């Protein structure tokens, strides 16, 4: 048994270590975490400060559905979809496809 341990130590010392990059997880459902301030300005025409301090308090009473029908869209994603729709003047289907939301949910 001592021999196995010595072989293992020799193996570890001879083999180069593999450096694995650290993975940083982000909440992809939250566009405020996904995009930088410049990217938000380009996409929805509002800065992160404006969205968080002015728009969210106005519409935050939006509650998620608690009726167990489907997968509810989080309120921050609803706001982002609406701002993106108004900023680009694009179709609901196109704006919904960008965040993986159906056209009927966008409507």
Protein backbone atom coordinates (compact mmCIF):
# COMPACT_ATOMS: atom_id res chain seq x y z
CA UNK A 1 0.00 0.00 0.00
CA UNK A 2 2.89 2.31 0.71
CA UNK A 3 4.17 1.56 -2.77
CA UNK A 4 0.92 2.84 -4.36
CA UNK A 5 1.22 6.10 -2.49
CA UNK A 6 4.81 6.56 -3.66
CA UNK A 7 3.73 5.95 -7.27
CA UNK A 8 0.97 8.50 -6.90
CA UNK A 9 3.38 11.11 -5.53
CA UNK A 10 5.81 10.47 -8.39
CA UNK A 11 2.95 10.80 -10.89
CA UNK A 12 1.78 14.08 -9.40
CA UNK A 13 5.28 15.52 -9.32
CA UNK A 14 6.05 14.53 -12.92
CA UNK A 15 2.82 15.72 -14.53
CA UNK A 16 2.39 19.45 -15.15
CA UNK A 17 -0.52 21.07 -13.45
CA UNK A 18 -3.45 22.09 -15.56
CA UNK A 19 -4.54 25.66 -14.88
CA UNK A 20 -8.29 25.97 -15.21
CA UNK A 21 -9.66 29.50 -15.63
CA UNK A 22 -12.06 30.63 -12.96
CA UNK A 23 -15.67 30.83 -14.10
CA UNK A 24 -17.68 33.86 -13.05
CA UNK A 25 -21.39 33.16 -13.05
CA UNK A 26 -23.78 35.93 -13.94
CA UNK A 27 -27.54 36.07 -13.83
CA UNK A 28 -28.34 36.07 -17.55
CA UNK A 29 -31.98 36.82 -16.86
CA UNK A 30 -30.99 40.18 -15.38
CA UNK A 31 -29.92 42.56 -18.17
CA UNK A 32 -28.59 45.02 -15.58
CA UNK A 33 -25.92 42.47 -14.66
CA UNK A 34 -25.33 41.22 -18.19
CA UNK A 35 -24.67 44.57 -19.92
CA UNK A 36 -22.37 47.42 -19.06
CA UNK A 37 -23.71 50.97 -18.73
CA UNK A 38 -22.59 51.81 -22.29
CA UNK A 39 -24.28 48.72 -23.69
CA UNK A 40 -27.50 49.57 -21.86
CA UNK A 41 -27.44 53.08 -23.32
CA UNK A 42 -27.02 51.62 -26.81
CA UNK A 43 -29.78 49.04 -26.35
CA UNK A 44 -32.52 50.75 -24.33
CA UNK A 45 -31.49 54.44 -24.35
CA UNK A 46 -31.38 54.58 -20.54
CA UNK A 47 -28.46 54.28 -18.14
CA UNK A 48 -28.35 51.74 -15.32
CA UNK A 49 -28.82 54.60 -12.83
CA UNK A 50 -32.02 55.75 -14.55
CA UNK A 51 -33.44 52.25 -14.76
CA UNK A 52 -32.70 51.35 -11.13
CA UNK A 53 -33.54 54.68 -9.46
CA UNK A 54 -36.44 55.96 -11.57
CA UNK A 55 -38.08 53.30 -13.72
CA UNK A 56 -37.96 50.30 -11.34
CA UNK A 57 -39.69 52.11 -8.44
CA UNK A 58 -42.49 53.17 -10.79
CA UNK A 59 -43.26 49.69 -12.05
CA UNK A 60 -41.93 47.44 -9.28
CA UNK A 61 -45.43 46.50 -8.06
CA UNK A 62 -45.43 44.09 -11.01
CA UNK A 63 -45.62 40.75 -9.29
CA UNK A 64 -44.67 37.41 -10.75
CA UNK A 65 -47.58 35.10 -11.49
CA UNK A 66 -48.30 32.73 -8.63
CA UNK A 67 -50.90 30.65 -10.46
CA UNK A 68 -48.49 27.85 -11.51
CA UNK A 69 -49.18 28.42 -15.21
CA UNK A 70 -45.99 28.20 -17.22
CA UNK A 71 -42.76 29.94 -16.36
CA UNK A 72 -43.33 33.58 -15.31
CA UNK A 73 -41.18 36.34 -16.79
CA UNK A 74 -39.28 38.22 -14.04
CA UNK A 75 -40.29 41.89 -13.63
CA UNK A 76 -36.81 43.22 -14.52
CA UNK A 77 -36.96 41.28 -17.79
CA UNK A 78 -40.42 42.67 -18.52
CA UNK A 79 -39.08 46.20 -18.06
CA UNK A 80 -36.03 45.50 -20.21
CA UNK A 81 -38.19 44.04 -23.00
CA UNK A 82 -40.50 47.06 -22.96
CA UNK A 83 -37.61 49.55 -22.98
CA UNK A 84 -35.91 47.64 -25.81
CA UNK A 85 -39.16 47.61 -27.79
CA UNK A 86 -39.66 51.36 -27.35
CA UNK A 87 -36.00 52.19 -28.05
CA UNK A 88 -35.67 50.23 -31.27
CA UNK A 89 -39.17 50.43 -32.68
CA UNK A 90 -38.78 46.80 -33.68
CA UNK A 91 -41.38 44.07 -33.71
CA UNK A 92 -42.39 42.23 -30.56
CA UNK A 93 -41.21 38.92 -31.97
CA UNK A 94 -37.72 40.30 -32.68
CA UNK A 95 -37.35 41.90 -29.24
CA UNK A 96 -38.64 38.73 -27.58
CA UNK A 97 -36.22 36.53 -29.51
CA UNK A 98 -33.31 38.57 -28.14
CA UNK A 99 -34.13 37.54 -24.57
CA UNK A 100 -35.80 34.16 -25.30
CA UNK A 101 -39.35 35.35 -24.66
CA UNK A 102 -42.26 34.50 -26.94
CA UNK A 103 -44.18 37.12 -28.89
CA UNK A 104 -47.30 36.59 -26.79
CA UNK A 105 -45.31 37.18 -23.58
CA UNK A 106 -43.88 40.36 -25.13
CA UNK A 107 -47.36 41.57 -25.91
